[in-house]
Amino acid sequence: MPEKIVDQFQKERARLNDIVQQYNGLEGKRFYSLDGQVYRDGALPKKTKELLGLVASFVLRCDDCIKYHTIRCHEEGVTNEEYMETLTIGLVVGGSITIPHQRRAVEAWDELQRAKS
């Protein structure tokens, strides 16, 4: 059976992050730390921040970022309706060029939802 999209992504991301961190200087390490810190609960809950990260990644057409935020949205309890509404906002902002990214995003979301059942 082929490896699942989400599992493959997470393994590859972890492997590549390990390599980057071997070479990363102080500034790079600080950026990675800041990236993790801004998604913590604050004035906005983590769930909302992950949805914001998803729509920004979608509009910027970064498939790795879309997958990452899709996984995090799933972990934060985002509903199917919330997820699709967020992608619809990205579609309106980003235009039809985002449709291929929407297809891959929803495929990963569907995999996560089916695994939950």
PDB file of N, CA and C in Angstrom:
ATOM      1  N   MET A   1       0.850  -1.176   0.000  1.00  0.00           N
ATOM      2  CA  MET A   1       0.000   0.000   0.000  1.00  0.00           C
ATOM      3  C   MET A   1       0.899   1.244   0.000  1.00  0.00           C
ATOM      4  N   PRO A   2       0.600   2.225  -0.845  1.00  0.00           N
ATOM      5  CA  PRO A   2       1.433   3.431  -0.869  1.00  0.00           C
ATOM      6  C   PRO A   2       1.322   4.206   0.451  1.00  0.00           C
ATOM      7  N   GLU A   3       2.411   4.868   0.794  1.00  0.00           N
ATOM      8  CA  GLU A   3       2.433   5.652   2.021  1.00  0.00           C
ATOM      9  C   GLU A   3       1.429   6.796   1.911  1.00  0.00           C
ATOM     10  N   LYS A   4       0.759   7.083   2.986  1.00  0.00           N
ATOM     11  CA  LYS A   4      -0.239   8.140   2.989  1.00  0.00           C
ATOM     12  C   LYS A   4       0.422   9.505   2.810  1.00  0.00           C
ATOM     13  N   ILE A   5      -0.314  10.421   2.206  1.00  0.00           N
ATOM     14  CA  ILE A   5       0.164  11.768   1.909  1.00  0.00           C
ATOM     15  C   ILE A   5       0.696  12.454   3.167  1.00  0.00           C
ATOM     16  N   VAL A   6      -0.086  12.423   4.221  1.00  0.00           N
ATOM     17  CA  VAL A   6       0.264  13.126   5.449  1.00  0.00           C
ATOM     18  C   VAL A   6       1.493  12.502   6.104  1.00  0.00           C
ATOM     19  N   ASP A   7       1.537  11.177   6.186  1.00  0.00           N
ATOM     20  CA  ASP A   7       2.697  10.507   6.783  1.00  0.00           C
ATOM     21  C   ASP A   7       3.972  10.808   6.009  1.00  0.00           C
ATOM     22  N   GLN A   8       3.882  10.733   4.699  1.00  0.00           N
ATOM     23  CA  GLN A   8       5.042  11.007   3.844  1.00  0.00           C
ATOM     24  C   GLN A   8       5.517  12.447   4.042  1.00  0.00           C
ATOM     25  N   PHE A   9       4.586  13.385   4.068  1.00  0.00           N
ATOM     26  CA  PHE A   9       4.929  14.793   4.264  1.00  0.00           C
ATOM     27  C   PHE A   9       5.618  15.004   5.611  1.00  0.00           C
ATOM     28  N   GLN A  10       5.051  14.444   6.679  1.00  0.00           N
ATOM     29  CA  GLN A  10       5.619  14.661   8.007  1.00  0.00           C
ATOM     30  C   GLN A  10       7.017  14.073   8.141  1.00  0.00           C
ATOM     31  N   LYS A  11       7.235  12.902   7.578  1.00  0.00           N
ATOM     32  CA  LYS A  11       8.573  12.293   7.619  1.00  0.00           C
ATOM     33  C   LYS A  11       9.583  13.144   6.864  1.00  0.00           C
ATOM     34  N   GLU A  12       9.209  13.576   5.682  1.00  0.00           N
ATOM     35  CA  GLU A  12      10.125  14.375   4.858  1.00  0.00           C
ATOM     36  C   GLU A  12      10.400  15.729   5.502  1.00  0.00           C
ATOM     37  N   ARG A  13       9.387  16.342   6.073  1.00  0.00           N
ATOM     38  CA  ARG A  13       9.556  17.638   6.741  1.00  0.00           C
ATOM     39  C   ARG A  13      10.510  17.506   7.922  1.00  0.00           C
ATOM     40  N   ALA A  14      10.326  16.483   8.728  1.00  0.00           N
ATOM     41  CA  ALA A  14      11.202  16.269   9.888  1.00  0.00           C
ATOM     42  C   ALA A  14      12.639  16.008   9.446  1.00  0.00           C
ATOM     43  N   ARG A  15      12.801  15.186   8.419  1.00  0.00           N
ATOM     44  CA  ARG A  15      14.146  14.871   7.913  1.00  0.00           C
ATOM     45  C   ARG A  15      14.847  16.137   7.422  1.00  0.00           C
ATOM     46  N   LEU A  16      14.139  16.935   6.645  1.00  0.00           N
ATOM     47  CA  LEU A  16      14.740  18.150   6.096  1.00  0.00           C
ATOM     48  C   LEU A  16      14.989  19.203   7.173  1.00  0.00           C
ATOM     49  N   ASN A  17      14.085  19.306   8.156  1.00  0.00           N
ATOM     50  CA  ASN A  17      14.311  20.247   9.257  1.00  0.00           C
ATOM     51  C   ASN A  17      15.558  19.871  10.041  1.00  0.00           C
ATOM     52  N   ASP A  18      15.797  18.580  10.240  1.00  0.00           N
ATOM     53  CA  ASP A  18      17.013  18.144  10.934  1.00  0.00           C
ATOM     54  C   ASP A  18      18.266  18.593  10.187  1.00  0.00           C
ATOM     55  N   ILE A  19      18.245  18.460   8.877  1.00  0.00           N
ATOM     56  CA  ILE A  19      19.398  18.889   8.070  1.00  0.00           C
ATOM     57  C   ILE A  19      19.583  20.397   8.164  1.00  0.00           C
ATOM     58  N   VAL A  20      18.487  21.158   8.017  1.00  0.00           N
ATOM     59  CA  VAL A  20      18.561  22.619   8.083  1.00  0.00           C
ATOM     60  C   VAL A  20      19.141  23.047   9.421  1.00  0.00           C
ATOM     61  N   GLN A  21      18.683  22.430  10.504  1.00  0.00           N
ATOM     62  CA  GLN A  21      19.136  22.846  11.832  1.00  0.00           C
ATOM     63  C   GLN A  21      20.618  22.556  12.060  1.00  0.00           C
ATOM     64  N   GLN A  22      21.191  21.615  11.331  1.00  0.00           N
ATOM     65  CA  GLN A  22      22.633  21.359  11.438  1.00  0.00           C
ATOM     66  C   GLN A  22      23.438  22.552  10.930  1.00  0.00           C
ATOM     67  N   TYR A  23      22.869  23.269   9.981  1.00  0.00           N
ATOM     68  CA  TYR A  23      23.582  24.379   9.348  1.00  0.00           C
ATOM     69  C   TYR A  23      23.062  25.749   9.778  1.00  0.00           C
ATOM     70  N   ASN A  24      21.888  25.796  10.379  1.00  0.00           N
ATOM     71  CA  ASN A  24      21.229  27.049  10.701  1.00  0.00           C
ATOM     72  C   ASN A  24      22.047  27.861  11.693  1.00  0.00           C
ATOM     73  N   GLY A  25      22.147  29.161  11.431  1.00  0.00           N
ATOM     74  CA  GLY A  25      22.767  30.077  12.374  1.00  0.00           C
ATOM     75  C   GLY A  25      21.740  30.564  13.377  1.00  0.00           C
ATOM     76  N   LEU A  26      22.171  31.458  14.235  1.00  0.00           N
ATOM     77  CA  LEU A  26      21.318  31.982  15.292  1.00  0.00           C
ATOM     78  C   LEU A  26      20.051  32.624  14.728  1.00  0.00           C
ATOM     79  N   GLU A  27      20.191  33.425  13.678  1.00  0.00           N
ATOM     80  CA  GLU A  27      19.040  34.122  13.109  1.00  0.00           C
ATOM     81  C   GLU A  27      18.017  33.138  12.553  1.00  0.00           C
ATOM     82  N   GLY A  28      18.485  32.104  11.861  1.00  0.00           N
ATOM     83  CA  GLY A  28      17.580  31.088  11.332  1.00  0.00           C
ATOM     84  C   GLY A  28      16.858  30.345  12.435  1.00  0.00           C
ATOM     85  N   LYS A  29      17.605  30.003  13.489  1.00  0.00           N
ATOM     86  CA  LYS A  29      16.993  29.312  14.620  1.00  0.00           C
ATOM     87  C   LYS A  29      15.961  30.200  15.312  1.00  0.00           C
ATOM     88  N   ARG A  30      16.256  31.490  15.407  1.00  0.00           N
ATOM     89  CA  ARG A  30      15.296  32.411  16.002  1.00  0.00           C
ATOM     90  C   ARG A  30      14.026  32.499  15.162  1.00  0.00           C
ATOM     91  N   PHE A  31      14.175  32.513  13.842  1.00  0.00           N
ATOM     92  CA  PHE A  31      13.004  32.567  12.966  1.00  0.00           C
ATOM     93  C   PHE A  31      12.133  31.335  13.167  1.00  0.00           C
ATOM     94  N   TYR A  32      12.749  30.160  13.194  1.00  0.00           N
ATOM     95  CA  TYR A  32      11.988  28.921  13.416  1.00  0.00           C
ATOM     96  C   TYR A  32      11.257  28.983  14.756  1.00  0.00           C
ATOM     97  N   SER A  33      11.916  29.509  15.776  1.00  0.00           N
ATOM     98  CA  SER A  33      11.305  29.633  17.095  1.00  0.00           C
ATOM     99  C   SER A  33      10.127  30.608  17.054  1.00  0.00           C
ATOM    100  N   LEU A  34      10.321  31.754  16.415  1.00  0.00           N
ATOM    101  CA  LEU A  34       9.253  32.742  16.303  1.00  0.00           C
ATOM    102  C   LEU A  34       8.058  32.162  15.562  1.00  0.00           C
ATOM    103  N   ASP A  35       8.321  31.417  14.500  1.00  0.00           N
ATOM    104  CA  ASP A  35       7.250  30.792  13.730  1.00  0.00           C
ATOM    105  C   ASP A  35       6.408  29.886  14.624  1.00  0.00           C
ATOM    106  N   GLY A  36       7.043  29.141  15.492  1.00  0.00           N
ATOM    107  CA  GLY A  36       6.309  28.271  16.399  1.00  0.00           C
ATOM    108  C   GLY A  36       5.555  29.048  17.477  1.00  0.00           C
ATOM    109  N   GLN A  37       6.140  30.139  17.927  1.00  0.00           N
ATOM    110  CA  GLN A  37       5.533  30.907  19.014  1.00  0.00           C
ATOM    111  C   GLN A  37       4.278  31.656  18.596  1.00  0.00           C
ATOM    112  N   VAL A  38       4.237  32.170  17.378  1.00  0.00           N
ATOM    113  CA  VAL A  38       3.086  32.996  16.984  1.00  0.00           C
ATOM    114  C   VAL A  38       1.805  32.190  16.844  1.00  0.00           C
ATOM    115  N   TYR A  39       1.898  30.872  16.750  1.00  0.00           N
ATOM    116  CA  TYR A  39       0.704  30.037  16.605  1.00  0.00           C
ATOM    117  C   TYR A  39       0.174  29.524  17.950  1.00  0.00           C
ATOM    118  N   ARG A  40       0.743  29.995  19.044  1.00  0.00           N
ATOM    119  CA  ARG A  40       0.232  29.633  20.375  1.00  0.00           C
ATOM    120  C   ARG A  40      -1.033  30.434  20.671  1.00  0.00           C
ATOM    121  N   ASP A  41      -1.817  29.960  21.645  1.00  0.00           N
ATOM    122  CA  ASP A  41      -2.986  30.723  22.081  1.00  0.00           C
ATOM    123  C   ASP A  41      -2.561  32.105  22.541  1.00  0.00           C
ATOM    124  N   GLY A  42      -3.322  33.077  22.177  1.00  0.00           N
ATOM    125  CA  GLY A  42      -3.106  34.463  22.587  1.00  0.00           C
ATOM    126  C   GLY A  42      -4.443  35.173  22.507  1.00  0.00           C
ATOM    127  N   ALA A  43      -4.452  36.395  22.000  1.00  0.00           N
ATOM    128  CA  ALA A  43      -5.720  37.096  21.780  1.00  0.00           C
ATOM    129  C   ALA A  43      -6.587  36.281  20.823  1.00  0.00           C
ATOM    130  N   LEU A  44      -5.938  35.598  19.894  1.00  0.00           N
ATOM    131  CA  LEU A  44      -6.622  34.665  19.001  1.00  0.00           C
ATOM    132  C   LEU A  44      -6.269  33.243  19.421  1.00  0.00           C
ATOM    133  N   PRO A  45      -7.245  32.341  19.426  1.00  0.00           N
ATOM    134  CA  PRO A  45      -6.932  30.953  19.759  1.00  0.00           C
ATOM    135  C   PRO A  45      -6.114  30.275  18.658  1.00  0.00           C
ATOM    136  N   LYS A  46      -5.397  29.216  19.034  1.00  0.00           N
ATOM    137  CA  LYS A  46      -4.567  28.463  18.074  1.00  0.00           C
ATOM    138  C   LYS A  46      -5.358  28.063  16.834  1.00  0.00           C
ATOM    139  N   LYS A  47      -6.576  27.624  17.031  1.00  0.00           N
ATOM    140  CA  LYS A  47      -7.406  27.178  15.913  1.00  0.00           C
ATOM    141  C   LYS A  47      -7.568  28.290  14.872  1.00  0.00           C
ATOM    142  N   THR A  48      -7.873  29.487  15.321  1.00  0.00           N
ATOM    143  CA  THR A  48      -8.033  30.623  14.412  1.00  0.00           C
ATOM    144  C   THR A  48      -6.721  30.946  13.718  1.00  0.00           C
ATOM    145  N   LYS A  49      -5.631  30.897  14.461  1.00  0.00           N
ATOM    146  CA  LYS A  49      -4.323  31.191  13.881  1.00  0.00           C
ATOM    147  C   LYS A  49      -3.945  30.170  12.817  1.00  0.00           C
ATOM    148  N   GLU A  50      -4.286  28.908  13.036  1.00  0.00           N
ATOM    149  CA  GLU A  50      -3.993  27.882  12.027  1.00  0.00           C
ATOM    150  C   GLU A  50      -4.825  28.105  10.767  1.00  0.00           C
ATOM    151  N   LEU A  51      -6.076  28.521  10.932  1.00  0.00           N
ATOM    152  CA  LEU A  51      -6.905  28.839   9.765  1.00  0.00           C
ATOM    153  C   LEU A  51      -6.329  30.033   8.998  1.00  0.00           C
ATOM    154  N   LEU A  52      -5.824  31.022   9.726  1.00  0.00           N
ATOM    155  CA  LEU A  52      -5.173  32.169   9.078  1.00  0.00           C
ATOM    156  C   LEU A  52      -3.913  31.732   8.341  1.00  0.00           C
ATOM    157  N   GLY A  53      -3.130  30.865   8.983  1.00  0.00           N
ATOM    158  CA  GLY A  53      -1.934  30.334   8.332  1.00  0.00           C
ATOM    159  C   GLY A  53      -2.288  29.548   7.083  1.00  0.00           C
ATOM    160  N   LEU A  54      -3.380  28.796   7.155  1.00  0.00           N
ATOM    161  CA  LEU A  54      -3.823  28.021   5.998  1.00  0.00           C
ATOM    162  C   LEU A  54      -4.204  28.930   4.842  1.00  0.00           C
ATOM    163  N   VAL A  55      -5.009  29.949   5.096  1.00  0.00           N
ATOM    164  CA  VAL A  55      -5.451  30.807   3.997  1.00  0.00           C
ATOM    165  C   VAL A  55      -4.270  31.589   3.410  1.00  0.00           C
ATOM    166  N   ALA A  56      -3.341  32.032   4.251  1.00  0.00           N
ATOM    167  CA  ALA A  56      -2.164  32.741   3.739  1.00  0.00           C
ATOM    168  C   ALA A  56      -1.308  31.812   2.887  1.00  0.00           C
ATOM    169  N   SER A  57      -1.097  30.605   3.350  1.00  0.00           N
ATOM    170  CA  SER A  57      -0.306  29.621   2.603  1.00  0.00           C
ATOM    171  C   SER A  57      -0.987  29.266   1.289  1.00  0.00           C
ATOM    172  N   PHE A  58      -2.298  29.176   1.318  1.00  0.00           N
ATOM    173  CA  PHE A  58      -3.087  28.850   0.132  1.00  0.00           C
ATOM    174  C   PHE A  58      -2.958  29.947  -0.919  1.00  0.00           C
ATOM    175  N   VAL A  59      -3.100  31.199  -0.492  1.00  0.00           N
ATOM    176  CA  VAL A  59      -2.992  32.324  -1.417  1.00  0.00           C
ATOM    177  C   VAL A  59      -1.568  32.425  -1.977  1.00  0.00           C
ATOM    178  N   LEU A  60      -0.576  32.117  -1.142  1.00  0.00           N
ATOM    179  CA  LEU A  60       0.820  32.144  -1.595  1.00  0.00           C
ATOM    180  C   LEU A  60       1.202  30.890  -2.381  1.00  0.00           C
ATOM    181  N   ARG A  61       0.314  29.896  -2.390  1.00  0.00           N
ATOM    182  CA  ARG A  61       0.479  28.667  -3.167  1.00  0.00           C
ATOM    183  C   ARG A  61       1.698  27.849  -2.727  1.00  0.00           C
ATOM    184  N   CYS A  62       1.843  27.711  -1.408  1.00  0.00           N
ATOM    185  CA  CYS A  62       2.928  26.894  -0.856  1.00  0.00           C
ATOM    186  C   CYS A  62       2.343  25.558  -0.410  1.00  0.00           C
ATOM    187  N   ASP A  63       2.499  24.524  -1.232  1.00  0.00           N
ATOM    188  CA  ASP A  63       1.893  23.225  -0.920  1.00  0.00           C
ATOM    189  C   ASP A  63       2.389  22.641   0.400  1.00  0.00           C
ATOM    190  N   ASP A  64       3.674  22.778   0.708  1.00  0.00           N
ATOM    191  CA  ASP A  64       4.169  22.268   1.997  1.00  0.00           C
ATOM    192  C   ASP A  64       3.488  22.987   3.165  1.00  0.00           C
ATOM    193  N   CYS A  65       3.371  24.303   3.058  1.00  0.00           N
ATOM    194  CA  CYS A  65       2.726  25.076   4.126  1.00  0.00           C
ATOM    195  C   CYS A  65       1.250  24.734   4.233  1.00  0.00           C
ATOM    196  N   ILE A  66       0.597  24.541   3.091  1.00  0.00           N
ATOM    197  CA  ILE A  66      -0.816  24.157   3.086  1.00  0.00           C
ATOM    198  C   ILE A  66      -0.983  22.822   3.811  1.00  0.00           C
ATOM    199  N   LYS A  67      -0.124  21.852   3.498  1.00  0.00           N
ATOM    200  CA  LYS A  67      -0.216  20.548   4.172  1.00  0.00           C
ATOM    201  C   LYS A  67       0.022  20.699   5.672  1.00  0.00           C
ATOM    202  N   TYR A  68       1.041  21.457   6.030  1.00  0.00           N
ATOM    203  CA  TYR A  68       1.349  21.654   7.448  1.00  0.00           C
ATOM    204  C   TYR A  68       0.140  22.242   8.184  1.00  0.00           C
ATOM    205  N   HIS A  69      -0.426  23.317   7.651  1.00  0.00           N
ATOM    206  CA  HIS A  69      -1.556  23.962   8.324  1.00  0.00           C
ATOM    207  C   HIS A  69      -2.820  23.107   8.253  1.00  0.00           C
ATOM    208  N   THR A  70      -2.965  22.300   7.215  1.00  0.00           N
ATOM    209  CA  THR A  70      -4.084  21.365   7.142  1.00  0.00           C
ATOM    210  C   THR A  70      -4.000  20.372   8.300  1.00  0.00           C
ATOM    211  N   ILE A  71      -2.818  19.831   8.528  1.00  0.00           N
ATOM    212  CA  ILE A  71      -2.611  18.896   9.644  1.00  0.00           C
ATOM    213  C   ILE A  71      -2.894  19.585  10.970  1.00  0.00           C
ATOM    214  N   ARG A  72      -2.357  20.779  11.137  1.00  0.00           N
ATOM    215  CA  ARG A  72      -2.566  21.515  12.393  1.00  0.00           C
ATOM    216  C   ARG A  72      -4.043  21.871  12.593  1.00  0.00           C
ATOM    217  N   CYS A  73      -4.733  22.256  11.514  1.00  0.00           N
ATOM    218  CA  CYS A  73      -6.166  22.544  11.627  1.00  0.00           C
ATOM    219  C   CYS A  73      -6.921  21.308  12.094  1.00  0.00           C
ATOM    220  N   HIS A  74      -6.554  20.174  11.538  1.00  0.00           N
ATOM    221  CA  HIS A  74      -7.189  18.913  11.945  1.00  0.00           C
ATOM    222  C   HIS A  74      -6.933  18.657  13.430  1.00  0.00           C
ATOM    223  N   GLU A  75      -5.696  18.859  13.859  1.00  0.00           N
ATOM    224  CA  GLU A  75      -5.342  18.650  15.267  1.00  0.00           C
ATOM    225  C   GLU A  75      -6.075  19.620  16.199  1.00  0.00           C
ATOM    226  N   GLU A  76      -6.382  20.811  15.702  1.00  0.00           N
ATOM    227  CA  GLU A  76      -7.062  21.821  16.515  1.00  0.00           C
ATOM    228  C   GLU A  76      -8.584  21.696  16.462  1.00  0.00           C
ATOM    229  N   GLY A  77      -9.084  20.678  15.768  1.00  0.00           N
ATOM    230  CA  GLY A  77     -10.518  20.431  15.779  1.00  0.00           C
ATOM    231  C   GLY A  77     -11.338  21.242  14.789  1.00  0.00           C
ATOM    232  N   VAL A  78     -10.704  21.728  13.752  1.00  0.00           N
ATOM    233  CA  VAL A  78     -11.430  22.461  12.706  1.00  0.00           C
ATOM    234  C   VAL A  78     -12.436  21.514  12.062  1.00  0.00           C
ATOM    235  N   THR A  79     -13.618  22.028  11.805  1.00  0.00           N
ATOM    236  CA  THR A  79     -14.659  21.221  11.166  1.00  0.00           C
ATOM    237  C   THR A  79     -14.488  21.240   9.645  1.00  0.00           C
ATOM    238  N   ASN A  80     -15.157  20.320   8.978  1.00  0.00           N
ATOM    239  CA  ASN A  80     -15.142  20.318   7.510  1.00  0.00           C
ATOM    240  C   ASN A  80     -15.624  21.655   6.963  1.00  0.00           C
ATOM    241  N   GLU A  81     -16.673  22.188   7.552  1.00  0.00           N
ATOM    242  CA  GLU A  81     -17.247  23.450   7.082  1.00  0.00           C
ATOM    243  C   GLU A  81     -16.266  24.605   7.271  1.00  0.00           C
ATOM    244  N   GLU A  82     -15.600  24.661   8.424  1.00  0.00           N
ATOM    245  CA  GLU A  82     -14.617  25.715   8.681  1.00  0.00           C
ATOM    246  C   GLU A  82     -13.446  25.604   7.709  1.00  0.00           C
ATOM    247  N   TYR A  83     -12.999  24.382   7.481  1.00  0.00           N
ATOM    248  CA  TYR A  83     -11.865  24.149   6.578  1.00  0.00           C
ATOM    249  C   TYR A  83     -12.210  24.612   5.162  1.00  0.00           C
ATOM    250  N   MET A  84     -13.352  24.177   4.668  1.00  0.00           N
ATOM    251  CA  MET A  84     -13.730  24.523   3.291  1.00  0.00           C
ATOM    252  C   MET A  84     -14.041  26.013   3.145  1.00  0.00           C
ATOM    253  N   GLU A  85     -14.621  26.623   4.166  1.00  0.00           N
ATOM    254  CA  GLU A  85     -14.884  28.059   4.105  1.00  0.00           C
ATOM    255  C   GLU A  85     -13.575  28.836   4.048  1.00  0.00           C
ATOM    256  N   THR A  86     -12.583  28.382   4.788  1.00  0.00           N
ATOM    257  CA  THR A  86     -11.267  29.022   4.767  1.00  0.00           C
ATOM    258  C   THR A  86     -10.647  28.915   3.374  1.00  0.00           C
ATOM    259  N   LEU A  87     -10.724  27.722   2.772  1.00  0.00           N
ATOM    260  CA  LEU A  87     -10.186  27.565   1.413  1.00  0.00           C
ATOM    261  C   LEU A  87     -10.961  28.404   0.406  1.00  0.00           C
ATOM    262  N   THR A  88     -12.251  28.591   0.626  1.00  0.00           N
ATOM    263  CA  THR A  88     -13.043  29.422  -0.271  1.00  0.00           C
ATOM    264  C   THR A  88     -12.596  30.882  -0.194  1.00  0.00           C
ATOM    265  N   ILE A  89     -12.270  31.354   0.996  1.00  0.00           N
ATOM    266  CA  ILE A  89     -11.722  32.703   1.132  1.00  0.00           C
ATOM    267  C   ILE A  89     -10.418  32.800   0.344  1.00  0.00           C
ATOM    268  N   GLY A  90      -9.563  31.793   0.498  1.00  0.00           N
ATOM    269  CA  GLY A  90      -8.305  31.771  -0.256  1.00  0.00           C
ATOM    270  C   GLY A  90      -8.535  31.733  -1.752  1.00  0.00           C
ATOM    271  N   LEU A  91      -9.542  31.010  -2.192  1.00  0.00           N
ATOM    272  CA  LEU A  91      -9.869  30.933  -3.609  1.00  0.00           C
ATOM    273  C   LEU A  91     -10.304  32.293  -4.144  1.00  0.00           C
ATOM    274  N   VAL A  92     -11.118  33.007  -3.390  1.00  0.00           N
ATOM    275  CA  VAL A  92     -11.570  34.328  -3.811  1.00  0.00           C
ATOM    276  C   VAL A  92     -10.400  35.308  -3.854  1.00  0.00           C
ATOM    277  N   VAL A  93      -9.540  35.254  -2.855  1.00  0.00           N
ATOM    278  CA  VAL A  93      -8.392  36.168  -2.799  1.00  0.00           C
ATOM    279  C   VAL A  93      -7.337  35.788  -3.841  1.00  0.00           C
ATOM    280  N   GLY A  94      -7.056  34.496  -3.957  1.00  0.00           N
ATOM    281  CA  GLY A  94      -5.975  34.035  -4.817  1.00  0.00           C
ATOM    282  C   GLY A  94      -6.363  33.783  -6.261  1.00  0.00           C
ATOM    283  N   GLY A  95      -7.631  33.578  -6.517  1.00  0.00           N
ATOM    284  CA  GLY A  95      -8.095  33.351  -7.879  1.00  0.00           C
ATOM    285  C   GLY A  95      -7.964  31.898  -8.315  1.00  0.00           C
ATOM    286  N   SER A  96      -8.293  31.685  -9.571  1.00  0.00           N
ATOM    287  CA  SER A  96      -8.367  30.315 -10.092  1.00  0.00           C
ATOM    288  C   SER A  96      -7.025  29.601 -10.102  1.00  0.00           C
ATOM    289  N   ILE A  97      -5.919  30.327 -10.015  1.00  0.00           N
ATOM    290  CA  ILE A  97      -4.598  29.678  -9.991  1.00  0.00           C
ATOM    291  C   ILE A  97      -4.419  28.829  -8.727  1.00  0.00           C
ATOM    292  N   THR A  98      -5.258  29.066  -7.714  1.00  0.00           N
ATOM    293  CA  THR A  98      -5.156  28.286  -6.475  1.00  0.00           C
ATOM    294  C   THR A  98      -5.915  26.960  -6.536  1.00  0.00           C
ATOM    295  N   ILE A  99      -6.691  26.742  -7.587  1.00  0.00           N
ATOM    296  CA  ILE A  99      -7.513  25.525  -7.658  1.00  0.00           C
ATOM    297  C   ILE A  99      -6.692  24.239  -7.554  1.00  0.00           C
ATOM    298  N   PRO A 100      -5.545  24.094  -8.240  1.00  0.00           N
ATOM    299  CA  PRO A 100      -4.763  22.864  -8.048  1.00  0.00           C
ATOM    300  C   PRO A 100      -4.316  22.670  -6.596  1.00  0.00           C
ATOM    301  N   HIS A 101      -4.030  23.758  -5.912  1.00  0.00           N
ATOM    302  CA  HIS A 101      -3.627  23.683  -4.507  1.00  0.00           C
ATOM    303  C   HIS A 101      -4.819  23.283  -3.636  1.00  0.00           C
ATOM    304  N   GLN A 102      -6.008  23.746  -4.022  1.00  0.00           N
ATOM    305  CA  GLN A 102      -7.222  23.353  -3.316  1.00  0.00           C
ATOM    306  C   GLN A 102      -7.447  21.850  -3.434  1.00  0.00           C
ATOM    307  N   ARG A 103      -7.234  21.320  -4.621  1.00  0.00           N
ATOM    308  CA  ARG A 103      -7.413  19.879  -4.824  1.00  0.00           C
ATOM    309  C   ARG A 103      -6.508  19.075  -3.907  1.00  0.00           C
ATOM    310  N   ARG A 104      -5.230  19.450  -3.851  1.00  0.00           N
ATOM    311  CA  ARG A 104      -4.286  18.715  -3.009  1.00  0.00           C
ATOM    312  C   ARG A 104      -4.577  18.916  -1.522  1.00  0.00           C
ATOM    313  N   ALA A 105      -5.005  20.124  -1.166  1.00  0.00           N
ATOM    314  CA  ALA A 105      -5.339  20.400   0.237  1.00  0.00           C
ATOM    315  C   ALA A 105      -6.523  19.561   0.694  1.00  0.00           C
ATOM    316  N   VAL A 106      -7.554  19.506  -0.127  1.00  0.00           N
ATOM    317  CA  VAL A 106      -8.747  18.749   0.245  1.00  0.00           C
ATOM    318  C   VAL A 106      -8.458  17.248   0.237  1.00  0.00           C
ATOM    319  N   GLU A 107      -7.573  16.797  -0.637  1.00  0.00           N
ATOM    320  CA  GLU A 107      -7.185  15.385  -0.624  1.00  0.00           C
ATOM    321  C   GLU A 107      -6.525  15.030   0.714  1.00  0.00           C
ATOM    322  N   ALA A 108      -5.612  15.895   1.192  1.00  0.00           N
ATOM    323  CA  ALA A 108      -4.954  15.647   2.483  1.00  0.00           C
ATOM    324  C   ALA A 108      -5.971  15.718   3.624  1.00  0.00           C
ATOM    325  N   TRP A 109      -6.885  16.694   3.565  1.00  0.00           N
ATOM    326  CA  TRP A 109      -7.916  16.829   4.590  1.00  0.00           C
ATOM    327  C   TRP A 109      -8.793  15.572   4.633  1.00  0.00           C
ATOM    328  N   ASP A 110      -9.185  15.106   3.454  1.00  0.00           N
ATOM    329  CA  ASP A 110     -10.009  13.901   3.362  1.00  0.00           C
ATOM    330  C   ASP A 110      -9.294  12.699   3.974  1.00  0.00           C
ATOM    331  N   GLU A 111      -7.999  12.589   3.723  1.00  0.00           N
ATOM    332  CA  GLU A 111      -7.222  11.492   4.309  1.00  0.00           C
ATOM    333  C   GLU A 111      -7.253  11.567   5.828  1.00  0.00           C
ATOM    334  N   LEU A 112      -7.075  12.769   6.373  1.00  0.00           N
ATOM    335  CA  LEU A 112      -7.105  12.951   7.825  1.00  0.00           C
ATOM    336  C   LEU A 112      -8.489  12.627   8.381  1.00  0.00           C
ATOM    337  N   GLN A 113      -9.526  13.055   7.701  1.00  0.00           N
ATOM    338  CA  GLN A 113     -10.894  12.799   8.166  1.00  0.00           C
ATOM    339  C   GLN A 113     -11.228  11.319   8.134  1.00  0.00           C
ATOM    340  N   ARG A 114     -10.816  10.630   7.068  1.00  0.00           N
ATOM    341  CA  ARG A 114     -11.084   9.193   6.968  1.00  0.00           C
ATOM    342  C   ARG A 114     -10.321   8.419   8.036  1.00  0.00           C
ATOM    343  N   ALA A 115      -9.121   8.848   8.374  1.00  0.00           N
ATOM    344  CA  ALA A 115      -8.307   8.181   9.401  1.00  0.00           C
ATOM    345  C   ALA A 115      -8.948   8.337  10.778  1.00  0.00           C
ATOM    346  N   LYS A 116      -9.681   9.413  10.953  1.00  0.00           N
ATOM    347  CA  LYS A 116     -10.335   9.699  12.234  1.00  0.00           C
ATOM    348  C   LYS A 116     -11.535   8.776  12.447  1.00  0.00           C
ATOM    349  N   SER A 117     -12.140   8.343  11.368  1.00  0.00           N
ATOM    350  CA  SER A 117     -13.365   7.507  11.450  1.00  0.00           C
ATOM    351  C   SER A 117     -13.076   6.090  11.894  1.00  0.00           C
TER     352      SER A 117
END
